[in-house]
Amino acid sequence: MKRKLAVVSALALAPVSLVAADHFWIIGGGPTPQASEAQIELNVQWVVESIREMAPDALIHVFYANGDGPEPATVEHMAELDERASTFDALARVFGEQEGNRLRYREHRIEGAEGGTAADALLPELGRQLAALEPGDQGMIIYNGHGSWAPDRASNALRLWGESTLDVREFETLLSGVDAEVPIRFLFTQCYSGAFERAIHPGAEATLDLAPGNRCGFFAEDEDRLSEGCSASIKIGDYRDYTTFFFAALTGRTRLGDPVEGRRDWDGDGEVTPFDAHLYALVEGRNADLPRSTSEVYLERWQPWYLRWLGTDRVPDNLYGDAARIMAEQNDLPASAGSLGAELDRRYTALLARVQEQTTRQQNARARARALQNALQTRVGERWPTLLHPYTAGYAETLAGDLEDVSAFIAEQPEYDQLVALQDEADDLTVQLMELDRDVNQIEKLRRTTMLARSLAQLERHGSDEEVAAYEQLRSCEALPLVGG
């Protein structure tokens, strides 16, 4: 008999007493100034502003990069070419520092940070604050930064200041110190973030068993994939990362302040919860992220191999089936399962061919540019030998006295215009390849969403009472209101 899952009401898992406090821990920044791109800083600022707008009484704990440490430069950003930088442009192009000529570094602008993210200081303090939570409280941990990959995925980690780390097992240990009645959710957006799904299981093992307590999370990517974002660009309108779509759904507005379009309240209860925001990011996010939640990974891990290929002739009528049909319509794809599968395969093959073609073009452009660089470096070195030895006194003296002459000399060389054209072509192809990667990802998202629709339908029919209860617990945790749950 088919069993329709009735996901447990969020109130059923919440403490009887009124919520005492809503805590948000926002951890951000890179492990070094060179890996602390301005986009991360702006994401953290926007998240903090969004939470303060939605939950003025919430307790927000921010830990960012070096905190108030002595380092004068903790954020990398891309500046426009001003007059002085333009004077260096020819030299930078010839010696392979075209992008570096625009890079600048400054102190971070995160206000009210309680400290930095160096693991030796962050982990004890985070553990102390989590352990102090009491029944009636709830917490959410949000990370915006970089991640690292390991063959043992439970060793995938957050990259913290000073190249320190917090891996999955250490994170699970931190969560084990939380009172079992306190709901704890986490939103991780870094590369390889999906590995942190294991933090809901005892010892961070890849199992169906759930650890004591009420913990769940959302992730921008799989445990083996890079995430979109972390650009040095500061053009907010270009941002398409998971954080951007997730909080746009919660606030109802985009990063630019425009009203959000698309379905936000997926369960129709009149309130946009983090689970709704996750589905919004999944369906509406045209980016290179392949997001997932703990309940979705549970479905994938639960599905027996012998059920994987059953029911591929239809898309079930459930939450993920609805999402798949909307995504198919957005991408001008057929809604019926049989036609959809064939068209996805055809389009996927065509896109991969275009990716290969553009990649080859880019590789050729870069190879030809390197050959021209070598020729021009030799010619410049014959006239100004000190320029072949950067970071020396002679190099600095030459630039101080002859920079304009050097730039003019390079610009007069017959190969220079061709070098500029090849470098610009390679840069343009980078943008085109990113767009193609996003197109490919829409197919991968749609494939995965239809699989989740089938897995959910199969769990309803074939799952044991214990398996169904575990799934419902995760879904209820994910669907708790952002505050006051």
Protein backbone atom coordinates (compact mmCIF):
# COMPACT_ATOMS: atom_id res chain seq x y z
CA MET A 1 0.00 0.00 0.00
CA LYS A 2 1.33 3.43 -0.89
CA ARG A 3 2.03 5.52 2.20
CA LYS A 4 1.79 9.28 1.89
CA LEU A 5 4.44 10.91 4.05
CA ALA A 6 2.97 13.41 6.45
CA VAL A 7 6.07 15.35 7.45
CA VAL A 8 5.95 15.97 11.18
CA SER A 9 4.91 19.47 12.12
CA ALA A 10 7.85 21.65 13.08
CA LEU A 11 6.12 22.29 16.38
CA ALA A 12 6.17 18.60 17.21
CA LEU A 13 9.95 18.65 17.37
CA ALA A 14 10.25 22.01 19.07
CA PRO A 15 10.49 22.33 22.85
CA VAL A 16 7.29 22.93 24.74
CA SER A 17 8.54 26.20 26.16
CA LEU A 18 8.64 29.38 24.14
CA VAL A 19 11.79 30.04 22.08
CA ALA A 20 14.19 31.87 24.34
CA ALA A 21 16.66 33.03 21.74
CA ASP A 22 17.49 32.63 18.06
CA HIS A 23 21.25 32.39 17.54
CA PHE A 24 23.07 32.81 14.22
CA TRP A 25 26.76 32.06 13.84
CA ILE A 26 28.17 33.59 10.66
CA ILE A 27 31.69 32.45 9.83
CA GLY A 28 33.40 33.94 6.78
CA GLY A 29 36.51 34.96 4.95
CA GLY A 30 39.32 33.01 3.39
CA PRO A 31 42.42 31.39 4.85
CA THR A 32 44.73 34.11 3.48
CA PRO A 33 44.29 37.62 2.03
CA GLN A 34 44.75 36.15 -1.47
CA ALA A 35 41.85 33.79 -0.83
CA SER A 36 39.56 36.32 0.88
CA GLU A 37 37.79 37.66 -2.17
CA ALA A 38 35.53 40.69 -1.89
CA GLN A 39 32.50 38.59 -2.84
CA ILE A 40 32.83 36.62 0.40
CA GLU A 41 32.89 39.83 2.43
CA LEU A 42 29.86 41.21 0.60
CA ASN A 43 27.99 37.94 1.04
CA VAL A 44 28.61 38.01 4.78
CA GLN A 45 27.52 41.65 5.02
CA TRP A 46 24.33 40.89 3.09
CA VAL A 47 23.53 37.82 5.20
CA VAL A 48 23.99 39.81 8.42
CA GLU A 49 21.81 42.65 7.10
CA SER A 50 19.13 40.20 5.94
CA ILE A 51 18.97 38.41 9.30
CA ARG A 52 18.80 41.70 11.20
CA GLU A 53 15.94 42.78 8.96
CA MET A 54 14.00 39.53 9.40
CA ALA A 55 14.89 38.91 13.04
CA PRO A 56 15.78 42.13 14.87
CA ASP A 57 15.95 40.34 18.21
CA ALA A 58 18.18 37.49 17.04
CA LEU A 59 21.65 37.07 18.52
CA ILE A 60 24.17 37.25 15.68
CA HIS A 61 27.71 36.01 16.29
CA VAL A 62 30.13 36.95 13.49
CA PHE A 63 33.62 35.50 13.08
CA TYR A 64 35.53 36.81 10.08
CA ALA A 65 39.02 36.20 8.68
CA ASN A 66 41.57 37.65 11.13
CA GLY A 67 38.94 39.40 13.28
CA ASP A 68 40.61 42.53 14.61
CA GLY A 69 44.08 41.06 14.14
CA PRO A 70 47.15 43.03 13.11
CA GLU A 71 47.19 42.06 9.43
CA PRO A 72 46.61 45.22 7.33
CA ALA A 73 45.30 43.35 4.28
CA THR A 74 42.61 40.69 4.58
CA VAL A 75 40.38 41.21 1.50
CA GLU A 76 41.28 40.91 -2.18
CA HIS A 77 39.31 42.96 -4.68
CA MET A 78 39.52 43.86 -8.34
CA ALA A 79 40.03 47.57 -9.01
CA GLU A 80 39.33 49.46 -12.21
CA LEU A 81 42.40 50.44 -14.21
CA ASP A 82 43.18 54.01 -13.18
CA GLU A 83 45.79 56.18 -14.89
CA ARG A 84 48.72 54.78 -12.91
CA ALA A 85 47.63 51.16 -13.31
CA SER A 86 47.11 51.73 -17.03
CA THR A 87 50.74 52.80 -17.30
CA PHE A 88 51.73 49.35 -15.98
CA ASP A 89 49.26 47.49 -18.23
CA ALA A 90 51.65 46.82 -21.13
CA LEU A 91 54.38 45.56 -18.81
CA ALA A 92 51.87 43.43 -16.90
CA ARG A 93 50.55 41.84 -20.09
CA VAL A 94 54.02 40.95 -21.32
CA PHE A 95 55.18 39.48 -18.00
CA GLY A 96 51.98 37.58 -17.21
CA GLU A 97 50.51 39.89 -14.57
CA GLN A 98 47.55 41.22 -16.53
CA GLU A 99 44.99 40.28 -13.86
CA GLY A 100 47.38 40.99 -11.02
CA ASN A 101 47.69 44.59 -12.17
CA ARG A 102 44.11 45.16 -11.01
CA LEU A 103 44.28 43.29 -7.71
CA ARG A 104 44.24 45.35 -4.52
CA TYR A 105 44.16 44.41 -0.83
CA ARG A 106 42.61 46.13 2.17
CA GLU A 107 41.36 45.44 5.67
CA HIS A 108 37.97 43.75 5.93
CA ARG A 109 34.89 45.89 6.59
CA ILE A 110 32.85 43.45 8.67
CA GLU A 111 31.52 45.36 11.66
CA GLY A 112 30.90 43.80 15.03
CA ALA A 113 32.95 40.63 14.51
CA GLU A 114 33.48 38.77 17.79
CA GLY A 115 36.73 37.35 16.51
CA GLY A 116 38.59 35.75 13.65
CA THR A 117 38.30 32.27 12.20
CA ALA A 118 41.69 30.82 13.14
CA ALA A 119 40.79 27.33 14.33
CA ASP A 120 42.72 27.48 17.61
CA ALA A 121 40.55 30.40 18.77
CA LEU A 122 37.29 29.80 16.85
CA LEU A 123 36.65 26.15 17.72
CA PRO A 124 36.83 26.50 21.53
CA GLU A 125 34.67 29.64 21.46
CA LEU A 126 32.13 28.15 19.06
CA GLY A 127 31.98 24.99 21.15
CA ARG A 128 31.43 27.03 24.32
CA GLN A 129 28.62 29.07 22.78
CA LEU A 130 26.90 26.03 21.30
CA ALA A 131 27.08 24.14 24.58
CA ALA A 132 25.47 27.12 26.36
CA LEU A 133 22.25 26.81 24.32
CA GLU A 134 19.22 25.82 26.35
CA PRO A 135 15.89 24.17 25.50
CA GLY A 136 13.78 26.81 23.76
CA ASP A 137 16.77 28.24 21.88
CA GLN A 138 17.55 27.43 18.28
CA GLY A 139 20.68 28.03 16.24
CA MET A 140 21.89 28.32 12.67
CA ILE A 141 25.53 28.21 11.54
CA ILE A 142 26.34 29.88 8.21
CA TYR A 143 29.70 29.63 6.47
CA ASN A 144 30.87 31.73 3.53
CA GLY A 145 34.40 30.92 2.48
CA HIS A 146 36.47 28.18 0.88
CA GLY A 147 36.49 24.43 1.37
CA SER A 148 39.04 21.67 0.92
CA TRP A 149 38.61 18.13 -0.41
CA ALA A 150 40.02 14.89 0.99
CA PRO A 151 39.86 11.27 -0.22
CA ASP A 152 38.15 10.50 3.08
CA ARG A 153 35.21 12.86 2.65
CA ALA A 154 34.72 13.18 6.41
CA SER A 155 38.02 15.07 6.27
CA ASN A 156 36.63 17.67 3.86
CA ALA A 157 37.04 20.94 5.71
CA LEU A 158 36.32 24.63 6.04
CA ARG A 159 39.47 26.60 5.26
CA LEU A 160 39.90 29.04 8.11
CA TRP A 161 42.28 31.93 8.74
CA GLY A 162 45.98 31.12 8.67
CA GLU A 163 45.27 27.96 6.60
CA SER A 164 43.76 26.29 9.65
CA THR A 165 40.73 24.02 9.16
CA LEU A 166 37.52 22.65 10.62
CA ASP A 167 36.71 19.26 9.12
CA VAL A 168 33.47 17.28 9.12
CA ARG A 169 34.37 15.07 12.09
CA GLU A 170 35.39 18.07 14.20
CA PHE A 171 32.15 19.80 13.28
CA GLU A 172 30.10 16.75 14.26
CA THR A 173 31.90 16.74 17.62
CA LEU A 174 30.96 20.41 18.13
CA LEU A 175 27.30 19.63 17.38
CA SER A 176 27.37 16.75 19.85
CA GLY A 177 27.87 19.30 22.60
CA VAL A 178 24.48 20.91 21.89
CA ASP A 179 21.48 20.09 24.08
CA ALA A 180 19.43 17.44 22.25
CA GLU A 181 16.28 19.59 22.48
CA VAL A 182 17.87 22.53 20.64
CA PRO A 183 17.42 22.59 16.85
CA ILE A 184 20.69 23.33 15.06
CA ARG A 185 20.85 24.01 11.33
CA PHE A 186 23.80 24.85 9.14
CA LEU A 187 24.18 26.49 5.74
CA PHE A 188 27.52 25.77 4.05
CA THR A 189 28.27 27.20 0.61
CA GLN A 190 31.93 26.35 0.04
CA CYS A 191 33.44 23.95 -2.48
CA TYR A 192 32.90 20.29 -1.51
CA SER A 193 30.37 21.42 1.12
CA GLY A 194 28.09 18.39 0.69
CA ALA A 195 30.44 16.30 2.84
CA PHE A 196 29.15 18.18 5.89
CA GLU A 197 25.86 16.31 5.51
CA ARG A 198 27.67 13.60 7.47
CA ALA A 199 27.57 15.83 10.55
CA ILE A 200 24.00 14.64 11.20
CA HIS A 201 25.25 11.06 11.67
CA PRO A 202 27.16 9.57 14.64
CA GLY A 203 30.89 9.99 14.15
CA ALA A 204 30.27 11.69 10.78
CA GLU A 205 29.81 8.30 9.13
CA ALA A 206 27.97 7.88 5.81
CA THR A 207 25.03 5.99 7.30
CA LEU A 208 21.25 6.22 7.66
CA ASP A 209 21.51 6.42 11.46
CA LEU A 210 20.92 9.90 12.88
CA ALA A 211 22.92 11.33 15.74
CA PRO A 212 21.05 12.34 18.91
CA GLY A 213 19.42 15.74 18.82
CA ASN A 214 17.80 17.79 16.08
CA ARG A 215 20.33 18.84 13.46
CA CYS A 216 20.10 19.37 9.70
CA GLY A 217 21.66 21.47 6.98
CA PHE A 218 21.82 22.88 3.47
CA PHE A 219 24.79 22.83 1.09
CA ALA A 220 25.68 24.58 -2.15
CA GLU A 221 27.43 21.57 -3.61
CA ASP A 222 28.21 17.88 -3.56
CA GLU A 223 31.16 16.59 -1.54
CA ASP A 224 33.23 16.26 -4.73
CA ARG A 225 32.35 19.45 -6.64
CA LEU A 226 33.50 23.06 -6.73
CA SER A 227 30.91 25.73 -5.94
CA GLU A 228 30.20 28.92 -7.83
CA GLY A 229 31.34 32.18 -6.32
CA CYS A 230 34.42 33.56 -4.62
CA SER A 231 35.09 36.02 -7.41
CA ALA A 232 37.14 39.16 -6.78
CA SER A 233 34.47 41.12 -8.66
CA ILE A 234 32.42 43.56 -6.58
CA LYS A 235 29.56 43.88 -9.08
CA ILE A 236 26.75 42.56 -6.93
CA GLY A 237 24.42 42.10 -9.89
CA ASP A 238 26.71 39.37 -11.24
CA TYR A 239 26.30 37.16 -8.18
CA ARG A 240 24.44 33.89 -8.75
CA ASP A 241 25.78 31.77 -5.91
CA TYR A 242 23.67 29.65 -3.55
CA THR A 243 23.82 32.21 -0.73
CA THR A 244 22.37 34.88 -3.02
CA PHE A 245 19.33 32.81 -4.02
CA PHE A 246 18.80 31.31 -0.55
CA PHE A 247 18.54 34.67 1.22
CA ALA A 248 16.67 36.29 -1.67
CA ALA A 249 13.93 33.72 -1.08
CA LEU A 250 13.88 34.38 2.67
CA THR A 251 13.79 38.18 2.38
CA GLY A 252 11.68 38.41 -0.77
CA ARG A 253 14.17 40.69 -2.50
CA THR A 254 17.26 40.33 -4.65
CA ARG A 255 20.72 41.64 -3.88
CA LEU A 256 19.76 44.75 -5.86
CA GLY A 257 16.55 45.25 -3.87
CA ASP A 258 14.14 44.09 -6.57
CA PRO A 259 11.15 41.86 -5.68
CA VAL A 260 11.90 38.15 -6.01
CA GLU A 261 10.13 36.29 -8.78
CA GLY A 262 9.25 32.60 -8.68
CA ARG A 263 7.75 30.25 -6.14
CA ARG A 264 9.04 30.86 -2.59
CA ASP A 265 6.54 29.10 -0.32
CA TRP A 266 6.90 25.54 -1.54
CA ASP A 267 4.78 23.82 1.10
CA GLY A 268 2.03 26.45 0.91
CA ASP A 269 1.90 27.15 4.65
CA GLY A 270 2.17 30.91 4.21
CA GLU A 271 5.73 31.15 5.56
CA VAL A 272 9.04 30.91 3.72
CA THR A 273 11.29 28.60 5.73
CA PRO A 274 14.93 27.62 5.08
CA PHE A 275 13.68 24.48 3.30
CA ASP A 276 11.56 26.67 1.00
CA ALA A 277 14.60 28.89 0.43
CA HIS A 278 16.68 25.85 -0.48
CA LEU A 279 14.11 24.70 -3.05
CA TYR A 280 13.95 28.23 -4.45
CA ALA A 281 17.73 28.25 -4.88
CA LEU A 282 17.57 24.82 -6.51
CA VAL A 283 14.86 25.78 -9.01
CA GLU A 284 15.63 29.44 -9.70
CA GLY A 285 19.40 29.51 -9.40
CA ARG A 286 20.88 29.51 -12.88
CA ASN A 287 24.42 28.87 -11.73
CA ALA A 288 27.02 26.12 -11.46
CA ASP A 289 25.91 24.97 -8.00
CA LEU A 290 24.17 21.62 -7.47
CA PRO A 291 22.61 22.24 -4.01
CA ARG A 292 21.32 19.62 -1.60
CA SER A 293 19.86 19.31 1.89
CA THR A 294 20.35 16.67 4.55
CA SER A 295 16.92 15.13 3.87
CA GLU A 296 17.73 14.89 0.15
CA VAL A 297 21.04 13.14 0.78
CA TYR A 298 19.15 10.80 3.11
CA LEU A 299 16.80 9.92 0.24
CA GLU A 300 19.72 9.27 -2.08
CA ARG A 301 21.53 7.13 0.46
CA TRP A 302 18.37 5.23 1.36
CA GLN A 303 17.31 4.30 -2.18
CA PRO A 304 18.12 0.61 -2.81
CA TRP A 305 19.98 -0.07 -6.04
CA TYR A 306 17.18 -2.29 -7.34
CA LEU A 307 14.69 0.61 -7.15
CA ARG A 308 16.92 3.14 -8.89
CA TRP A 309 15.66 2.36 -12.38
CA LEU A 310 12.01 1.79 -11.53
CA GLY A 311 9.44 4.40 -12.45
CA THR A 312 11.64 6.27 -14.91
CA ASP A 313 8.69 6.52 -17.29
CA ARG A 314 6.99 9.16 -15.12
CA VAL A 315 7.75 12.04 -12.81
CA PRO A 316 5.87 11.51 -9.52
CA ASP A 317 3.39 14.08 -8.24
CA ASN A 318 5.26 15.35 -5.21
CA LEU A 319 7.34 18.33 -4.18
CA TYR A 320 10.34 17.35 -6.30
CA GLY A 321 8.13 16.36 -9.21
CA ASP A 322 6.67 19.87 -9.15
CA ALA A 323 10.17 21.36 -9.04
CA ALA A 324 11.30 19.19 -11.96
CA ARG A 325 8.34 20.24 -14.10
CA ILE A 326 9.01 23.93 -13.42
CA MET A 327 12.71 23.52 -14.24
CA ALA A 328 11.85 21.67 -17.46
CA GLU A 329 9.57 24.52 -18.51
CA GLN A 330 12.24 27.12 -17.66
CA ASN A 331 14.69 25.32 -19.93
CA ASP A 332 12.24 24.66 -22.79
CA LEU A 333 12.29 20.93 -22.15
CA PRO A 334 9.39 18.44 -22.42
CA ALA A 335 7.55 17.66 -19.19
CA SER A 336 6.84 13.98 -19.83
CA ALA A 337 9.46 11.69 -18.31
CA GLY A 338 10.19 9.63 -21.42
CA SER A 339 10.66 12.62 -23.73
CA LEU A 340 12.47 14.56 -21.01
CA GLY A 341 15.14 11.91 -20.49
CA ALA A 342 15.95 11.65 -24.18
CA GLU A 343 16.09 15.42 -24.65
CA LEU A 344 18.30 15.84 -21.57
CA ASP A 345 20.75 13.32 -23.00
CA ARG A 346 20.77 15.03 -26.40
CA ARG A 347 21.25 18.51 -24.97
CA TYR A 348 23.90 17.33 -22.50
CA THR A 349 25.95 15.78 -25.30
CA ALA A 350 25.67 18.93 -27.42
CA LEU A 351 26.72 21.18 -24.53
CA LEU A 352 29.74 19.05 -23.69
CA ALA A 353 30.83 19.28 -27.33
CA ARG A 354 30.60 23.08 -27.14
CA VAL A 355 32.56 23.09 -23.86
CA GLN A 356 35.31 21.05 -25.51
CA GLU A 357 35.37 23.34 -28.54
CA GLN A 358 35.61 26.51 -26.44
CA THR A 359 38.21 24.95 -24.15
CA THR A 360 40.38 24.07 -27.13
CA ARG A 361 40.04 27.60 -28.48
CA GLN A 362 41.06 29.03 -25.12
CA GLN A 363 44.05 26.71 -24.80
CA ASN A 364 45.22 27.68 -28.29
CA ALA A 365 44.82 31.40 -27.55
CA ARG A 366 46.80 31.08 -24.34
CA ALA A 367 49.56 29.06 -26.00
CA ARG A 368 49.93 31.63 -28.77
CA ALA A 369 49.90 34.45 -26.21
CA ARG A 370 52.69 32.76 -24.21
CA ALA A 371 54.83 32.52 -27.34
CA LEU A 372 54.37 36.23 -27.99
CA GLN A 373 55.11 37.02 -24.34
CA ASN A 374 58.40 35.13 -24.56
CA ALA A 375 59.43 37.05 -27.65
CA LEU A 376 58.50 40.41 -26.14
CA GLN A 377 60.18 39.62 -22.80
CA THR A 378 63.43 38.89 -24.65
CA ARG A 379 63.21 42.16 -26.56
CA VAL A 380 62.42 44.20 -23.44
CA GLY A 381 65.24 42.47 -21.57
CA GLU A 382 67.75 43.37 -24.27
CA ARG A 383 66.97 47.06 -23.75
CA TRP A 384 66.30 47.03 -19.98
CA PRO A 385 68.05 43.95 -18.52
CA THR A 386 67.01 44.83 -14.96
CA LEU A 387 63.37 44.15 -15.81
CA LEU A 388 64.19 40.45 -16.05
CA HIS A 389 65.00 40.48 -12.32
CA PRO A 390 61.90 41.64 -10.40
CA TYR A 391 62.04 42.46 -6.67
CA THR A 392 65.55 43.90 -7.04
CA ALA A 393 66.88 47.41 -6.58
CA GLY A 394 67.73 47.67 -10.28
CA TYR A 395 64.20 46.67 -11.23
CA ALA A 396 62.72 49.36 -8.98
CA GLU A 397 65.15 52.00 -10.31
CA THR A 398 64.24 51.23 -13.90
CA LEU A 399 60.51 51.45 -13.22
CA ALA A 400 60.97 54.70 -11.29
CA GLY A 401 62.84 56.37 -14.13
CA ASP A 402 61.80 54.65 -17.36
CA LEU A 403 58.29 53.21 -16.86
CA GLU A 404 56.63 55.39 -19.49
CA ASP A 405 59.44 54.65 -21.98
CA VAL A 406 59.12 50.91 -21.29
CA SER A 407 55.34 51.02 -21.79
CA ALA A 408 55.69 53.00 -25.02
CA PHE A 409 58.38 50.64 -26.32
CA ILE A 410 56.20 47.58 -25.69
CA ALA A 411 53.15 49.19 -27.30
CA GLU A 412 55.19 49.95 -30.43
CA GLN A 413 56.19 46.31 -30.97
CA PRO A 414 54.33 44.68 -33.87
CA GLU A 415 53.35 41.64 -31.75
CA TYR A 416 51.81 43.64 -28.91
CA ASP A 417 48.38 44.27 -30.42
CA GLN A 418 48.14 40.58 -31.28
CA LEU A 419 49.08 39.68 -27.69
CA VAL A 420 46.33 41.94 -26.34
CA ALA A 421 43.79 40.41 -28.70
CA LEU A 422 44.73 36.84 -27.72
CA GLN A 423 44.64 37.60 -23.98
CA ASP A 424 41.27 39.33 -24.32
CA GLU A 425 39.97 36.39 -26.35
CA ALA A 426 41.05 33.96 -23.62
CA ASP A 427 39.30 36.12 -21.00
CA ASP A 428 36.11 36.27 -23.07
CA LEU A 429 36.20 32.50 -23.45
CA THR A 430 36.43 32.14 -19.66
CA VAL A 431 33.10 33.96 -19.39
CA GLN A 432 31.59 31.85 -22.18
CA LEU A 433 32.77 28.64 -20.53
CA MET A 434 31.20 29.73 -17.23
CA GLU A 435 27.89 30.24 -19.03
CA LEU A 436 28.18 26.83 -20.67
CA ASP A 437 28.99 25.29 -17.28
CA ARG A 438 25.79 26.84 -15.93
CA ASP A 439 23.84 25.42 -18.88
CA VAL A 440 25.26 21.95 -18.25
CA ASN A 441 24.41 22.27 -14.59
CA GLN A 442 20.74 22.95 -15.33
CA ILE A 443 20.58 19.50 -16.89
CA GLU A 444 22.36 17.91 -13.94
CA LYS A 445 19.99 19.66 -11.51
CA LEU A 446 16.96 18.48 -13.44
CA ARG A 447 18.22 14.91 -13.56
CA ARG A 448 18.86 14.90 -9.83
CA THR A 449 15.51 16.51 -9.02
CA THR A 450 13.58 13.88 -10.97
CA MET A 451 15.60 11.21 -9.16
CA LEU A 452 14.66 12.78 -5.81
CA ALA A 453 11.01 12.75 -6.87
CA ARG A 454 11.21 9.01 -7.53
CA SER A 455 13.18 8.33 -4.33
CA LEU A 456 10.59 10.16 -2.25
CA ALA A 457 7.76 8.20 -3.87
CA GLN A 458 9.64 4.96 -3.28
CA LEU A 459 10.27 5.79 0.38
CA GLU A 460 6.54 6.34 0.81
CA ARG A 461 5.88 2.87 -0.56
CA HIS A 462 8.88 0.78 0.52
CA GLY A 463 10.54 2.54 3.47
CA SER A 464 10.43 1.05 6.96
CA ASP A 465 8.78 2.96 9.78
CA GLU A 466 12.22 3.82 11.18
CA GLU A 467 13.48 5.09 7.82
CA VAL A 468 10.36 7.17 7.25
CA ALA A 469 10.62 8.64 10.74
CA ALA A 470 14.27 9.61 10.19
CA TYR A 471 13.42 11.32 6.91
CA GLU A 472 10.48 13.16 8.48
CA GLN A 473 12.71 14.33 11.33
CA LEU A 474 15.18 15.85 8.90
CA ARG A 475 12.46 17.49 6.81
CA SER A 476 10.85 18.94 9.92
CA CYS A 477 14.17 20.34 11.10
CA GLU A 478 14.80 21.89 7.68
CA ALA A 479 11.28 23.37 7.61
CA LEU A 480 11.41 25.06 11.01
CA PRO A 481 10.81 28.82 10.62
CA LEU A 482 14.00 30.84 10.42
CA VAL A 483 13.28 32.31 13.85
CA GLY A 484 10.91 31.41 16.64
CA GLY A 485 10.68 27.79 15.48
